Amino acid sequence: MYILFAQHGWADDNRAMVSMAKDLAADEAQIVAPSLNYAMTWLRIEPLVTAVEQQAMVALEEFPDRPWRIIGHSMGGLIWLELLNRRPDWRLRVEFLTLVASPVGGADLGRIIDPLQVGVGIAADLGKDRRPLAASIAAEIDTLVLAGDIDNGSDGTITLESTKVPNAQFVRLTGLSHAAMRYHPTVIDRIQRFWRGESLGDPVSFHPIIEKIRAVPGMTDAHQRGFDKAATLLTLEDGISIRVWRSPLGVDHVFVASPHGRYLYGGYVGWIHSAELWATLQALKAAETTLT
């Protein structure tokens, strides 16, 4: 027996997550699926983390010896990352962590609404980059990332790139939208296989050049859109290339491609951070070296 925490996300309730948890666990688990105040999900994440923490503490008191399994959809995954950061002692209890369509690197919509992350409602929290935190947690807990893809780059709400977490297994589910990921037979199948110990994909790792580009202030994980129009700025010794493209709205995009021209990463910066992007790119071009 174990405790299964299933957390819904922004502008939602717990009905879909409860259904998925029941299909996943059958009679093997005590299900804890908090339904958060709908209006509160539009404000800030901190009170939501506290609300989930309180329910987790109740479950811990009632079942102190049971291991935990955690599933978080969208912002629900972010809530649990924040909670495991707040309560690192709880990590030893967690057998499996599954992040379903969670914008760990920061939701691009959140960045657009609140580009400086000054606190425009939940946008600042959704736009925050939690990838370093998620990577550290995934180094301690078996972690699976599931991401939907309906347009070769996003689930219609968040980009594929924003879901990727170093040290975690990553699975792309073609044809599944953001909402469908809350409860779908394919999602249930992948989670059950993950729990059985099957390898669903290699742990995520990023080429050092991607890490360098991600460090540019204001860098937001982007859709693959524009990759085919991008011009090659620099090719490294290992064949990895950096490509650039400016959208019709004047937004600078940067892409990283494999030696065979396959898309590896895409990101963009707003106008206020364009100078920092180009300074980084010019420094890389001047160095004419590989970061591998």
C-alpha atoms as a PDB file:
ATOM      1  CA  MET A   1       0.000   0.000   0.000  1.00  0.00           C
ATOM      2  CA  TYR A   2       1.125   3.534  -0.711  1.00  0.00           C
ATOM      3  CA  ILE A   3      -0.203   7.086  -0.707  1.00  0.00           C
ATOM      4  CA  LEU A   4      -0.908   8.485  -4.168  1.00  0.00           C
ATOM      5  CA  PHE A   5      -0.921  12.261  -4.382  1.00  0.00           C
ATOM      6  CA  ALA A   6      -2.606  13.533  -7.551  1.00  0.00           C
ATOM      7  CA  GLN A   7      -2.606  17.291  -7.982  1.00  0.00           C
ATOM      8  CA  HIS A   8      -4.524  19.328 -10.542  1.00  0.00           C
ATOM      9  CA  GLY A   9      -3.270  22.596 -11.936  1.00  0.00           C
ATOM     10  CA  TRP A  10      -4.292  26.114 -12.821  1.00  0.00           C
ATOM     11  CA  ALA A  11      -7.961  27.005 -13.472  1.00  0.00           C
ATOM     12  CA  ASP A  12      -9.082  23.460 -12.759  1.00  0.00           C
ATOM     13  CA  ASP A  13     -10.535  21.170 -10.102  1.00  0.00           C
ATOM     14  CA  ASN A  14      -9.608  17.663  -9.024  1.00  0.00           C
ATOM     15  CA  ARG A  15     -12.206  15.593 -10.877  1.00  0.00           C
ATOM     16  CA  ALA A  16     -10.024  14.423 -13.772  1.00  0.00           C
ATOM     17  CA  MET A  17      -7.074  13.737 -11.484  1.00  0.00           C
ATOM     18  CA  VAL A  18      -9.230  11.704  -9.092  1.00  0.00           C
ATOM     19  CA  SER A  19     -10.450   9.569 -11.999  1.00  0.00           C
ATOM     20  CA  MET A  20      -6.907   8.991 -13.226  1.00  0.00           C
ATOM     21  CA  ALA A  21      -5.667   8.185  -9.732  1.00  0.00           C
ATOM     22  CA  LYS A  22      -8.423   5.601  -9.229  1.00  0.00           C
ATOM     23  CA  ASP A  23      -7.603   3.897 -12.522  1.00  0.00           C
ATOM     24  CA  LEU A  24      -3.919   3.913 -11.686  1.00  0.00           C
ATOM     25  CA  ALA A  25      -4.081   2.716  -8.112  1.00  0.00           C
ATOM     26  CA  ALA A  26      -7.174   0.487  -7.996  1.00  0.00           C
ATOM     27  CA  ASP A  27      -7.314  -0.590  -4.346  1.00  0.00           C
ATOM     28  CA  GLU A  28      -3.592  -0.380  -3.734  1.00  0.00           C
ATOM     29  CA  ALA A  29      -3.369   3.188  -2.489  1.00  0.00           C
ATOM     30  CA  GLN A  30      -4.786   5.907  -0.324  1.00  0.00           C
ATOM     31  CA  ILE A  31      -5.554   8.660  -2.820  1.00  0.00           C
ATOM     32  CA  VAL A  32      -5.009  12.288  -1.852  1.00  0.00           C
ATOM     33  CA  ALA A  33      -6.176  14.668  -4.582  1.00  0.00           C
ATOM     34  CA  PRO A  34      -6.741  18.158  -3.153  1.00  0.00           C
ATOM     35  CA  SER A  35      -9.217  20.369  -4.986  1.00  0.00           C
ATOM     36  CA  LEU A  36      -7.852  23.877  -4.739  1.00  0.00           C
ATOM     37  CA  ASN A  37      -9.939  27.028  -4.724  1.00  0.00           C
ATOM     38  CA  TYR A  38     -10.502  27.914  -8.400  1.00  0.00           C
ATOM     39  CA  ALA A  39     -10.138  31.658  -7.853  1.00  0.00           C
ATOM     40  CA  MET A  40      -6.949  31.159  -5.838  1.00  0.00           C
ATOM     41  CA  THR A  41      -5.300  29.369  -8.755  1.00  0.00           C
ATOM     42  CA  TRP A  42      -5.320  32.704 -10.599  1.00  0.00           C
ATOM     43  CA  LEU A  43      -3.436  34.554  -7.856  1.00  0.00           C
ATOM     44  CA  ARG A  44      -0.148  33.211  -6.445  1.00  0.00           C
ATOM     45  CA  ILE A  45       1.290  29.734  -6.023  1.00  0.00           C
ATOM     46  CA  GLU A  46       2.478  30.079  -2.418  1.00  0.00           C
ATOM     47  CA  PRO A  47      -0.956  29.649  -0.769  1.00  0.00           C
ATOM     48  CA  LEU A  48      -1.607  26.665  -3.026  1.00  0.00           C
ATOM     49  CA  VAL A  49       1.634  25.008  -1.946  1.00  0.00           C
ATOM     50  CA  THR A  50       0.650  25.568   1.685  1.00  0.00           C
ATOM     51  CA  ALA A  51      -2.804  24.068   1.114  1.00  0.00           C
ATOM     52  CA  VAL A  52      -1.333  20.916  -0.443  1.00  0.00           C
ATOM     53  CA  GLU A  53       1.283  20.731   2.297  1.00  0.00           C
ATOM     54  CA  GLN A  54      -1.419  20.724   4.954  1.00  0.00           C
ATOM     55  CA  GLN A  55      -3.249  17.821   3.320  1.00  0.00           C
ATOM     56  CA  ALA A  56       0.012  15.925   2.889  1.00  0.00           C
ATOM     57  CA  MET A  57       0.733  16.370   6.588  1.00  0.00           C
ATOM     58  CA  VAL A  58      -2.677  14.905   7.451  1.00  0.00           C
ATOM     59  CA  ALA A  59      -1.955  11.884   5.248  1.00  0.00           C
ATOM     60  CA  LEU A  60       1.495  11.519   6.774  1.00  0.00           C
ATOM     61  CA  GLU A  61       0.064  11.532  10.283  1.00  0.00           C
ATOM     62  CA  GLU A  62      -2.556   8.919   9.374  1.00  0.00           C
ATOM     63  CA  PHE A  63      -0.228   6.669   7.350  1.00  0.00           C
ATOM     64  CA  PRO A  64       3.306   7.408   8.614  1.00  0.00           C
ATOM     65  CA  ASP A  65       4.914   4.266   7.173  1.00  0.00           C
ATOM     66  CA  ARG A  66       3.485   4.230   3.658  1.00  0.00           C
ATOM     67  CA  PRO A  67       5.640   5.299   0.704  1.00  0.00           C
ATOM     68  CA  TRP A  68       4.459   8.106  -1.580  1.00  0.00           C
ATOM     69  CA  ARG A  69       3.833   8.352  -5.285  1.00  0.00           C
ATOM     70  CA  ILE A  70       3.168  11.786  -6.753  1.00  0.00           C
ATOM     71  CA  ILE A  71       1.502  12.903  -9.978  1.00  0.00           C
ATOM     72  CA  GLY A  72       1.120  16.576 -10.834  1.00  0.00           C
ATOM     73  CA  HIS A  73      -0.591  17.960 -13.908  1.00  0.00           C
ATOM     74  CA  SER A  74       0.604  21.340 -15.188  1.00  0.00           C
ATOM     75  CA  MET A  75       0.820  23.728 -12.219  1.00  0.00           C
ATOM     76  CA  GLY A  76       0.134  20.742  -9.962  1.00  0.00           C
ATOM     77  CA  GLY A  77       3.614  19.480 -10.816  1.00  0.00           C
ATOM     78  CA  LEU A  78       5.089  22.892 -10.008  1.00  0.00           C
ATOM     79  CA  ILE A  79       3.300  22.885  -6.660  1.00  0.00           C
ATOM     80  CA  TRP A  80       4.939  19.590  -5.750  1.00  0.00           C
ATOM     81  CA  LEU A  81       8.374  20.784  -6.857  1.00  0.00           C
ATOM     82  CA  GLU A  82       7.977  23.767  -4.548  1.00  0.00           C
ATOM     83  CA  LEU A  83       6.734  21.532  -1.749  1.00  0.00           C
ATOM     84  CA  LEU A  84       9.608  19.054  -2.069  1.00  0.00           C
ATOM     85  CA  ASN A  85      11.942  22.029  -1.997  1.00  0.00           C
ATOM     86  CA  ARG A  86      10.256  23.330   1.151  1.00  0.00           C
ATOM     87  CA  ARG A  87      10.223  19.870   2.760  1.00  0.00           C
ATOM     88  CA  PRO A  88      13.354  18.069   1.516  1.00  0.00           C
ATOM     89  CA  ASP A  89      12.945  15.456   4.266  1.00  0.00           C
ATOM     90  CA  TRP A  90       9.851  14.220   2.415  1.00  0.00           C
ATOM     91  CA  ARG A  91      11.881  13.232  -0.636  1.00  0.00           C
ATOM     92  CA  LEU A  92      12.975   9.972   1.014  1.00  0.00           C
ATOM     93  CA  ARG A  93       9.316   8.928   1.187  1.00  0.00           C
ATOM     94  CA  VAL A  94       8.696   9.375  -2.538  1.00  0.00           C
ATOM     95  CA  GLU A  95       9.029   6.290  -4.746  1.00  0.00           C
ATOM     96  CA  PHE A  96       7.990   7.943  -8.005  1.00  0.00           C
ATOM     97  CA  LEU A  97       7.364  11.496  -9.187  1.00  0.00           C
ATOM     98  CA  THR A  98       5.475  12.092 -12.438  1.00  0.00           C
ATOM     99  CA  LEU A  99       5.224  15.552 -13.956  1.00  0.00           C
ATOM    100  CA  VAL A 100       2.433  15.680 -16.532  1.00  0.00           C
ATOM    101  CA  ALA A 101       2.503  18.664 -18.902  1.00  0.00           C
ATOM    102  CA  SER A 102       4.261  20.797 -16.288  1.00  0.00           C
ATOM    103  CA  PRO A 103       6.072  23.934 -17.545  1.00  0.00           C
ATOM    104  CA  VAL A 104       9.130  23.384 -15.365  1.00  0.00           C
ATOM    105  CA  GLY A 105      11.284  25.748 -17.411  1.00  0.00           C
ATOM    106  CA  GLY A 106       8.613  28.453 -17.272  1.00  0.00           C
ATOM    107  CA  ALA A 107       5.403  28.791 -19.265  1.00  0.00           C
ATOM    108  CA  ASP A 108       5.845  31.100 -22.240  1.00  0.00           C
ATOM    109  CA  LEU A 109       2.357  32.546 -21.711  1.00  0.00           C
ATOM    110  CA  GLY A 110       3.343  33.476 -18.163  1.00  0.00           C
ATOM    111  CA  ARG A 111       6.483  35.187 -19.459  1.00  0.00           C
ATOM    112  CA  ILE A 112       4.471  37.123 -22.038  1.00  0.00           C
ATOM    113  CA  ILE A 113       1.976  38.387 -19.447  1.00  0.00           C
ATOM    114  CA  ASP A 114       4.648  39.174 -16.850  1.00  0.00           C
ATOM    115  CA  PRO A 115       8.017  39.409 -18.669  1.00  0.00           C
ATOM    116  CA  LEU A 116       9.834  40.876 -15.659  1.00  0.00           C
ATOM    117  CA  GLN A 117       8.120  38.522 -13.187  1.00  0.00           C
ATOM    118  CA  VAL A 118       7.077  41.411 -10.981  1.00  0.00           C
ATOM    119  CA  GLY A 119       3.981  39.610  -9.749  1.00  0.00           C
ATOM    120  CA  VAL A 120       1.117  39.851 -12.238  1.00  0.00           C
ATOM    121  CA  GLY A 121      -1.133  37.240 -10.671  1.00  0.00           C
ATOM    122  CA  ILE A 122      -0.176  33.611 -11.232  1.00  0.00           C
ATOM    123  CA  ALA A 123       1.724  34.558 -14.415  1.00  0.00           C
ATOM    124  CA  ALA A 124       4.934  35.280 -12.501  1.00  0.00           C
ATOM    125  CA  ASP A 125       4.803  31.878 -10.810  1.00  0.00           C
ATOM    126  CA  LEU A 126       4.007  29.998 -14.008  1.00  0.00           C
ATOM    127  CA  GLY A 127       6.797  31.801 -15.856  1.00  0.00           C
ATOM    128  CA  LYS A 128       9.466  30.942 -13.280  1.00  0.00           C
ATOM    129  CA  ASP A 129      12.293  28.617 -14.312  1.00  0.00           C
ATOM    130  CA  ARG A 130      12.315  25.694 -11.860  1.00  0.00           C
ATOM    131  CA  ARG A 131      14.522  23.435 -13.957  1.00  0.00           C
ATOM    132  CA  PRO A 132      17.550  23.506 -11.578  1.00  0.00           C
ATOM    133  CA  LEU A 133      15.248  22.608  -8.676  1.00  0.00           C
ATOM    134  CA  ALA A 134      13.527  19.872 -10.668  1.00  0.00           C
ATOM    135  CA  ALA A 135      16.872  18.446 -11.798  1.00  0.00           C
ATOM    136  CA  SER A 136      18.105  18.225  -8.203  1.00  0.00           C
ATOM    137  CA  ILE A 137      14.899  16.461  -7.151  1.00  0.00           C
ATOM    138  CA  ALA A 138      15.063  14.082 -10.130  1.00  0.00           C
ATOM    139  CA  ALA A 139      18.602  13.158  -9.067  1.00  0.00           C
ATOM    140  CA  GLU A 140      17.101  11.836  -5.806  1.00  0.00           C
ATOM    141  CA  ILE A 141      13.667  10.576  -6.904  1.00  0.00           C
ATOM    142  CA  ASP A 142      12.755   8.447  -9.929  1.00  0.00           C
ATOM    143  CA  THR A 143      11.063  11.047 -12.118  1.00  0.00           C
ATOM    144  CA  LEU A 144       9.024  10.765 -15.302  1.00  0.00           C
ATOM    145  CA  VAL A 145       8.083  13.711 -17.511  1.00  0.00           C
ATOM    146  CA  LEU A 146       5.109  13.295 -19.844  1.00  0.00           C
ATOM    147  CA  ALA A 147       4.511  15.973 -22.478  1.00  0.00           C
ATOM    148  CA  GLY A 148       1.745  16.223 -25.050  1.00  0.00           C
ATOM    149  CA  ASP A 149       2.371  17.406 -28.605  1.00  0.00           C
ATOM    150  CA  ILE A 150      -0.383  18.442 -31.001  1.00  0.00           C
ATOM    151  CA  ASP A 151       1.528  20.785 -33.312  1.00  0.00           C
ATOM    152  CA  ASN A 152       5.134  19.579 -33.392  1.00  0.00           C
ATOM    153  CA  GLY A 153       6.232  21.704 -30.487  1.00  0.00           C
ATOM    154  CA  SER A 154       3.505  22.132 -27.860  1.00  0.00           C
ATOM    155  CA  ASP A 155       0.369  20.659 -26.338  1.00  0.00           C
ATOM    156  CA  GLY A 156      -1.527  23.782 -27.314  1.00  0.00           C
ATOM    157  CA  THR A 157      -0.793  25.459 -23.976  1.00  0.00           C
ATOM    158  CA  ILE A 158       2.859  24.897 -23.073  1.00  0.00           C
ATOM    159  CA  THR A 159       5.903  24.030 -25.170  1.00  0.00           C
ATOM    160  CA  LEU A 160       7.629  20.669 -25.142  1.00  0.00           C
ATOM    161  CA  GLU A 161      10.902  22.352 -24.253  1.00  0.00           C
ATOM    162  CA  SER A 162       9.503  23.825 -21.050  1.00  0.00           C
ATOM    163  CA  THR A 163       8.666  20.359 -19.675  1.00  0.00           C
ATOM    164  CA  LYS A 164      12.118  18.782 -19.976  1.00  0.00           C
ATOM    165  CA  VAL A 165      14.006  18.033 -16.765  1.00  0.00           C
ATOM    166  CA  PRO A 166      17.615  16.802 -16.526  1.00  0.00           C
ATOM    167  CA  ASN A 167      17.918  13.380 -14.817  1.00  0.00           C
ATOM    168  CA  ALA A 168      14.259  12.546 -15.571  1.00  0.00           C
ATOM    169  CA  GLN A 169      12.879  10.225 -18.226  1.00  0.00           C
ATOM    170  CA  PHE A 170      11.060  12.173 -20.933  1.00  0.00           C
ATOM    171  CA  VAL A 171       8.162  10.864 -23.009  1.00  0.00           C
ATOM    172  CA  ARG A 172       6.504  12.826 -25.801  1.00  0.00           C
ATOM    173  CA  LEU A 173       2.882  11.846 -26.424  1.00  0.00           C
ATOM    174  CA  THR A 174       1.871  12.884 -29.930  1.00  0.00           C
ATOM    175  CA  GLY A 175      -1.733  13.989 -30.395  1.00  0.00           C
ATOM    176  CA  LEU A 176      -2.490  14.743 -26.731  1.00  0.00           C
ATOM    177  CA  SER A 177      -3.521  18.271 -25.750  1.00  0.00           C
ATOM    178  CA  HIS A 178      -2.817  19.926 -22.415  1.00  0.00           C
ATOM    179  CA  ALA A 179      -6.313  19.219 -21.108  1.00  0.00           C
ATOM    180  CA  ALA A 180      -6.315  15.628 -22.383  1.00  0.00           C
ATOM    181  CA  MET A 181      -3.149  14.914 -20.416  1.00  0.00           C
ATOM    182  CA  ARG A 182      -5.136  15.150 -17.173  1.00  0.00           C
ATOM    183  CA  TYR A 183      -6.827  11.840 -17.864  1.00  0.00           C
ATOM    184  CA  HIS A 184      -6.043   9.678 -20.866  1.00  0.00           C
ATOM    185  CA  PRO A 185      -5.443   5.925 -21.318  1.00  0.00           C
ATOM    186  CA  THR A 186      -2.012   6.571 -22.827  1.00  0.00           C
ATOM    187  CA  VAL A 187      -0.963   8.681 -19.850  1.00  0.00           C
ATOM    188  CA  ILE A 188      -2.174   5.976 -17.457  1.00  0.00           C
ATOM    189  CA  ASP A 189      -0.318   3.300 -19.419  1.00  0.00           C
ATOM    190  CA  ARG A 190       2.987   5.207 -19.345  1.00  0.00           C
ATOM    191  CA  ILE A 191       2.740   5.896 -15.621  1.00  0.00           C
ATOM    192  CA  GLN A 192       1.971   2.248 -14.827  1.00  0.00           C
ATOM    193  CA  ARG A 193       4.913   1.109 -16.932  1.00  0.00           C
ATOM    194  CA  PHE A 194       7.140   3.632 -15.169  1.00  0.00           C
ATOM    195  CA  TRP A 195       6.008   2.287 -11.801  1.00  0.00           C
ATOM    196  CA  ARG A 196       6.848  -1.242 -12.969  1.00  0.00           C
ATOM    197  CA  GLY A 197      10.402  -0.134 -13.576  1.00  0.00           C
ATOM    198  CA  GLU A 198      10.327  -0.034 -17.378  1.00  0.00           C
ATOM    199  CA  SER A 199      12.687   2.344 -19.123  1.00  0.00           C
ATOM    200  CA  LEU A 200      10.555   4.664 -21.238  1.00  0.00           C
ATOM    201  CA  GLY A 201      13.356   6.891 -22.461  1.00  0.00           C
ATOM    202  CA  ASP A 202      16.886   7.995 -21.697  1.00  0.00           C
ATOM    203  CA  PRO A 203      17.309  10.527 -18.887  1.00  0.00           C
ATOM    204  CA  VAL A 204      17.218  14.072 -20.221  1.00  0.00           C
ATOM    205  CA  SER A 205      20.532  15.819 -20.676  1.00  0.00           C
ATOM    206  CA  PHE A 206      21.364  19.035 -22.511  1.00  0.00           C
ATOM    207  CA  HIS A 207      24.345  19.914 -24.666  1.00  0.00           C
ATOM    208  CA  PRO A 208      26.479  22.547 -22.880  1.00  0.00           C
ATOM    209  CA  ILE A 209      25.699  25.086 -25.595  1.00  0.00           C
ATOM    210  CA  ILE A 210      22.005  24.783 -24.761  1.00  0.00           C
ATOM    211  CA  GLU A 211      22.759  25.448 -21.104  1.00  0.00           C
ATOM    212  CA  LYS A 212      24.763  28.521 -22.147  1.00  0.00           C
ATOM    213  CA  ILE A 213      21.896  29.867 -24.235  1.00  0.00           C
ATOM    214  CA  ARG A 214      19.337  29.121 -21.515  1.00  0.00           C
ATOM    215  CA  ALA A 215      21.408  31.276 -19.142  1.00  0.00           C
ATOM    216  CA  VAL A 216      20.700  34.392 -21.222  1.00  0.00           C
ATOM    217  CA  PRO A 217      18.440  36.742 -19.209  1.00  0.00           C
ATOM    218  CA  GLY A 218      14.832  36.473 -20.331  1.00  0.00           C
ATOM    219  CA  MET A 219      15.391  33.313 -22.370  1.00  0.00           C
ATOM    220  CA  THR A 220      12.097  31.442 -22.797  1.00  0.00           C
ATOM    221  CA  ASP A 221      11.797  27.897 -24.122  1.00  0.00           C
ATOM    222  CA  ALA A 222      10.145  28.191 -27.522  1.00  0.00           C
ATOM    223  CA  HIS A 223       8.107  26.245 -30.025  1.00  0.00           C
ATOM    224  CA  GLN A 224       9.944  24.626 -32.928  1.00  0.00           C
ATOM    225  CA  ARG A 225       8.154  27.086 -35.198  1.00  0.00           C
ATOM    226  CA  GLY A 226      10.675  29.192 -37.157  1.00  0.00           C
ATOM    227  CA  PHE A 227      13.450  26.580 -37.058  1.00  0.00           C
ATOM    228  CA  ASP A 228      13.224  25.923 -40.796  1.00  0.00           C
ATOM    229  CA  LYS A 229      13.620  29.656 -41.500  1.00  0.00           C
ATOM    230  CA  ALA A 230      16.591  30.215 -39.194  1.00  0.00           C
ATOM    231  CA  ALA A 231      20.038  31.113 -40.540  1.00  0.00           C
ATOM    232  CA  THR A 232      23.149  29.370 -39.232  1.00  0.00           C
ATOM    233  CA  LEU A 233      25.258  31.721 -37.125  1.00  0.00           C
ATOM    234  CA  LEU A 234      27.900  29.319 -35.866  1.00  0.00           C
ATOM    235  CA  THR A 235      28.863  25.666 -36.221  1.00  0.00           C
ATOM    236  CA  LEU A 236      30.880  24.148 -33.395  1.00  0.00           C
ATOM    237  CA  GLU A 237      33.681  21.619 -33.734  1.00  0.00           C
ATOM    238  CA  ASP A 238      31.345  18.745 -32.892  1.00  0.00           C
ATOM    239  CA  GLY A 239      28.937  19.750 -35.656  1.00  0.00           C
ATOM    240  CA  ILE A 240      26.336  21.329 -33.391  1.00  0.00           C
ATOM    241  CA  SER A 241      25.061  24.548 -34.943  1.00  0.00           C
ATOM    242  CA  ILE A 242      23.463  27.701 -33.574  1.00  0.00           C
ATOM    243  CA  ARG A 243      20.794  29.271 -35.744  1.00  0.00           C
ATOM    244  CA  VAL A 244      18.903  32.554 -35.419  1.00  0.00           C
ATOM    245  CA  TRP A 245      15.595  33.872 -36.662  1.00  0.00           C
ATOM    246  CA  ARG A 246      13.683  37.107 -36.092  1.00  0.00           C
ATOM    247  CA  SER A 247       9.904  36.749 -36.130  1.00  0.00           C
ATOM    248  CA  PRO A 248       7.622  39.173 -38.008  1.00  0.00           C
ATOM    249  CA  LEU A 249       7.033  40.887 -34.646  1.00  0.00           C
ATOM    250  CA  GLY A 250      10.751  41.472 -34.218  1.00  0.00           C
ATOM    251  CA  VAL A 251      11.288  38.810 -31.542  1.00  0.00           C
ATOM    252  CA  ASP A 252      14.703  37.159 -31.669  1.00  0.00           C
ATOM    253  CA  HIS A 253      14.738  33.352 -31.640  1.00  0.00           C
ATOM    254  CA  VAL A 254      17.762  31.095 -31.291  1.00  0.00           C
ATOM    255  CA  PHE A 255      17.870  27.404 -32.178  1.00  0.00           C
ATOM    256  CA  VAL A 256      20.377  24.627 -31.643  1.00  0.00           C
ATOM    257  CA  ALA A 257      20.628  21.890 -34.278  1.00  0.00           C
ATOM    258  CA  SER A 258      22.387  18.525 -34.353  1.00  0.00           C
ATOM    259  CA  PRO A 259      25.214  17.796 -36.814  1.00  0.00           C
ATOM    260  CA  HIS A 260      22.540  16.261 -39.065  1.00  0.00           C
ATOM    261  CA  GLY A 261      20.382  19.367 -38.897  1.00  0.00           C
ATOM    262  CA  ARG A 262      17.847  17.976 -36.460  1.00  0.00           C
ATOM    263  CA  TYR A 263      16.154  20.387 -34.062  1.00  0.00           C
ATOM    264  CA  LEU A 264      17.545  20.127 -30.519  1.00  0.00           C
ATOM    265  CA  TYR A 265      16.427  23.319 -28.790  1.00  0.00           C
ATOM    266  CA  GLY A 266      14.633  26.585 -29.402  1.00  0.00           C
ATOM    267  CA  GLY A 267      14.224  29.701 -27.301  1.00  0.00           C
ATOM    268  CA  TYR A 268      13.468  33.386 -27.612  1.00  0.00           C
ATOM    269  CA  VAL A 269      13.887  36.625 -25.719  1.00  0.00           C
ATOM    270  CA  GLY A 270      11.709  39.706 -25.596  1.00  0.00           C
ATOM    271  CA  TRP A 271      12.884  43.045 -26.897  1.00  0.00           C
ATOM    272  CA  ILE A 272      14.235  44.095 -23.505  1.00  0.00           C
ATOM    273  CA  HIS A 273      16.682  41.181 -23.461  1.00  0.00           C
ATOM    274  CA  SER A 274      17.698  41.158 -27.117  1.00  0.00           C
ATOM    275  CA  ALA A 275      21.035  42.873 -26.411  1.00  0.00           C
ATOM    276  CA  GLU A 276      22.010  40.212 -23.866  1.00  0.00           C
ATOM    277  CA  LEU A 277      21.183  37.455 -26.332  1.00  0.00           C
ATOM    278  CA  TRP A 278      23.288  38.933 -29.091  1.00  0.00           C
ATOM    279  CA  ALA A 279      26.178  39.638 -26.732  1.00  0.00           C
ATOM    280  CA  THR A 280      26.194  35.962 -25.762  1.00  0.00           C
ATOM    281  CA  LEU A 281      25.949  34.781 -29.364  1.00  0.00           C
ATOM    282  CA  GLN A 282      28.744  37.090 -30.497  1.00  0.00           C
ATOM    283  CA  ALA A 283      30.950  35.917 -27.624  1.00  0.00           C
ATOM    284  CA  LEU A 284      30.358  32.299 -28.654  1.00  0.00           C
ATOM    285  CA  LYS A 285      31.098  33.134 -32.274  1.00  0.00           C
ATOM    286  CA  ALA A 286      34.275  34.953 -31.339  1.00  0.00           C
ATOM    287  CA  ALA A 287      35.475  32.036 -29.239  1.00  0.00           C
ATOM    288  CA  GLU A 288      34.992  29.587 -32.163  1.00  0.00           C
ATOM    289  CA  THR A 289      35.198  26.637 -29.808  1.00  0.00           C
ATOM    290  CA  THR A 290      33.117  23.744 -28.590  1.00  0.00           C
ATOM    291  CA  LEU A 291      31.655  23.552 -25.125  1.00  0.00           C
ATOM    292  CA  THR A 292      31.593  19.755 -25.055  1.00  0.00           C
END
